[in-house]
Amino acid sequence: MEELLDGKNRLYLRLAATATAVFPRMREFVELLHAAGHPMAVASGSSRAASEPRSRRRRP
């Protein structure tokens, strides 16, 4: 069972890192908030491993 869950998690992390998109104009909104000095946090139902790589990506 542990092996099956590990495999599922690996596949999910790969999918989360390559096939998810930021909501339209959300990156611009967050950058405006940041530039104005507003404190921010990330809330997600995903694990940190799934959330963090996407949140650290820069604008193409």
C-alpha atoms as a PDB file:
ATOM      1  CA  MET A   1       0.000   0.000   0.000  1.00  0.00           C
ATOM      2  CA  GLU A   2       2.843   2.396   0.874  1.00  0.00           C
ATOM      3  CA  GLU A   3       4.426   1.768  -2.517  1.00  0.00           C
ATOM      4  CA  LEU A   4       1.144   2.570  -4.271  1.00  0.00           C
ATOM      5  CA  LEU A   5       0.746   5.852  -2.336  1.00  0.00           C
ATOM      6  CA  ASP A   6       4.342   6.847  -3.051  1.00  0.00           C
ATOM      7  CA  GLY A   7       3.767   6.276  -6.770  1.00  0.00           C
ATOM      8  CA  LYS A   8       0.562   8.305  -6.724  1.00  0.00           C
ATOM      9  CA  ASN A   9       2.308  11.158  -4.912  1.00  0.00           C
ATOM     10  CA  ARG A  10       5.196  11.196  -7.385  1.00  0.00           C
ATOM     11  CA  LEU A  11       2.764  11.370 -10.315  1.00  0.00           C
ATOM     12  CA  TYR A  12       0.714  14.094  -8.629  1.00  0.00           C
ATOM     13  CA  LEU A  13       3.781  16.237  -7.893  1.00  0.00           C
ATOM     14  CA  ARG A  14       4.943  15.899 -11.502  1.00  0.00           C
ATOM     15  CA  LEU A  15       1.495  16.918 -12.753  1.00  0.00           C
ATOM     16  CA  ALA A  16       1.219  19.808 -10.272  1.00  0.00           C
ATOM     17  CA  ALA A  17       4.630  21.138 -11.328  1.00  0.00           C
ATOM     18  CA  THR A  18       3.998  20.999 -15.076  1.00  0.00           C
ATOM     19  CA  ALA A  19       0.284  21.192 -15.819  1.00  0.00           C
ATOM     20  CA  THR A  20      -1.190  23.764 -13.453  1.00  0.00           C
ATOM     21  CA  ALA A  21      -1.779  27.381 -14.327  1.00  0.00           C
ATOM     22  CA  VAL A  22      -2.062  30.563 -12.308  1.00  0.00           C
ATOM     23  CA  PHE A  23      -5.529  32.135 -12.438  1.00  0.00           C
ATOM     24  CA  PRO A  24      -5.736  34.915 -15.066  1.00  0.00           C
ATOM     25  CA  ARG A  25      -4.267  38.195 -13.800  1.00  0.00           C
ATOM     26  CA  MET A  26      -3.575  36.693 -10.357  1.00  0.00           C
ATOM     27  CA  ARG A  27       0.197  36.994 -10.726  1.00  0.00           C
ATOM     28  CA  GLU A  28      -0.165  40.685 -11.583  1.00  0.00           C
ATOM     29  CA  PHE A  29      -2.488  41.208  -8.586  1.00  0.00           C
ATOM     30  CA  VAL A  30      -0.074  39.500  -6.181  1.00  0.00           C
ATOM     31  CA  GLU A  31       2.846  41.519  -7.535  1.00  0.00           C
ATOM     32  CA  LEU A  32       0.881  44.746  -6.989  1.00  0.00           C
ATOM     33  CA  LEU A  33       0.085  43.745  -3.407  1.00  0.00           C
ATOM     34  CA  HIS A  34       3.725  42.859  -2.790  1.00  0.00           C
ATOM     35  CA  ALA A  35       4.965  46.147  -4.270  1.00  0.00           C
ATOM     36  CA  ALA A  36       2.558  48.021  -1.989  1.00  0.00           C
ATOM     37  CA  GLY A  37       4.015  46.233   1.040  1.00  0.00           C
ATOM     38  CA  HIS A  38       1.022  44.096   1.953  1.00  0.00           C
ATOM     39  CA  PRO A  39       1.934  40.965   3.920  1.00  0.00           C
ATOM     40  CA  MET A  40       0.921  37.754   2.141  1.00  0.00           C
ATOM     41  CA  ALA A  41       0.625  34.035   2.760  1.00  0.00           C
ATOM     42  CA  VAL A  42      -0.294  31.023   0.665  1.00  0.00           C
ATOM     43  CA  ALA A  43      -3.217  28.826   1.648  1.00  0.00           C
ATOM     44  CA  SER A  44      -3.701  25.569  -0.205  1.00  0.00           C
ATOM     45  CA  GLY A  45      -5.308  22.209   0.217  1.00  0.00           C
ATOM     46  CA  SER A  46      -2.229  20.695  -1.408  1.00  0.00           C
ATOM     47  CA  SER A  47       0.925  19.618   0.335  1.00  0.00           C
ATOM     48  CA  ARG A  48       3.820  22.060   0.604  1.00  0.00           C
ATOM     49  CA  ALA A  49       5.703  19.943  -1.928  1.00  0.00           C
ATOM     50  CA  ALA A  50       2.903  20.470  -4.459  1.00  0.00           C
ATOM     51  CA  SER A  51       2.408  24.176  -3.735  1.00  0.00           C
ATOM     52  CA  GLU A  52       5.905  25.530  -3.313  1.00  0.00           C
ATOM     53  CA  PRO A  53       7.510  24.862  -6.715  1.00  0.00           C
ATOM     54  CA  ARG A  54       4.642  26.589  -8.529  1.00  0.00           C
ATOM     55  CA  SER A  55       4.624  29.586  -6.206  1.00  0.00           C
ATOM     56  CA  ARG A  56       8.346  30.182  -6.732  1.00  0.00           C
ATOM     57  CA  ARG A  57       8.218  30.246 -10.532  1.00  0.00           C
ATOM     58  CA  ARG A  58       8.931  33.544 -12.206  1.00  0.00           C
ATOM     59  CA  ARG A  59       7.056  35.191 -15.031  1.00  0.00           C
ATOM     60  CA  PRO A  60       7.991  33.692 -18.417  1.00  0.00           C
END
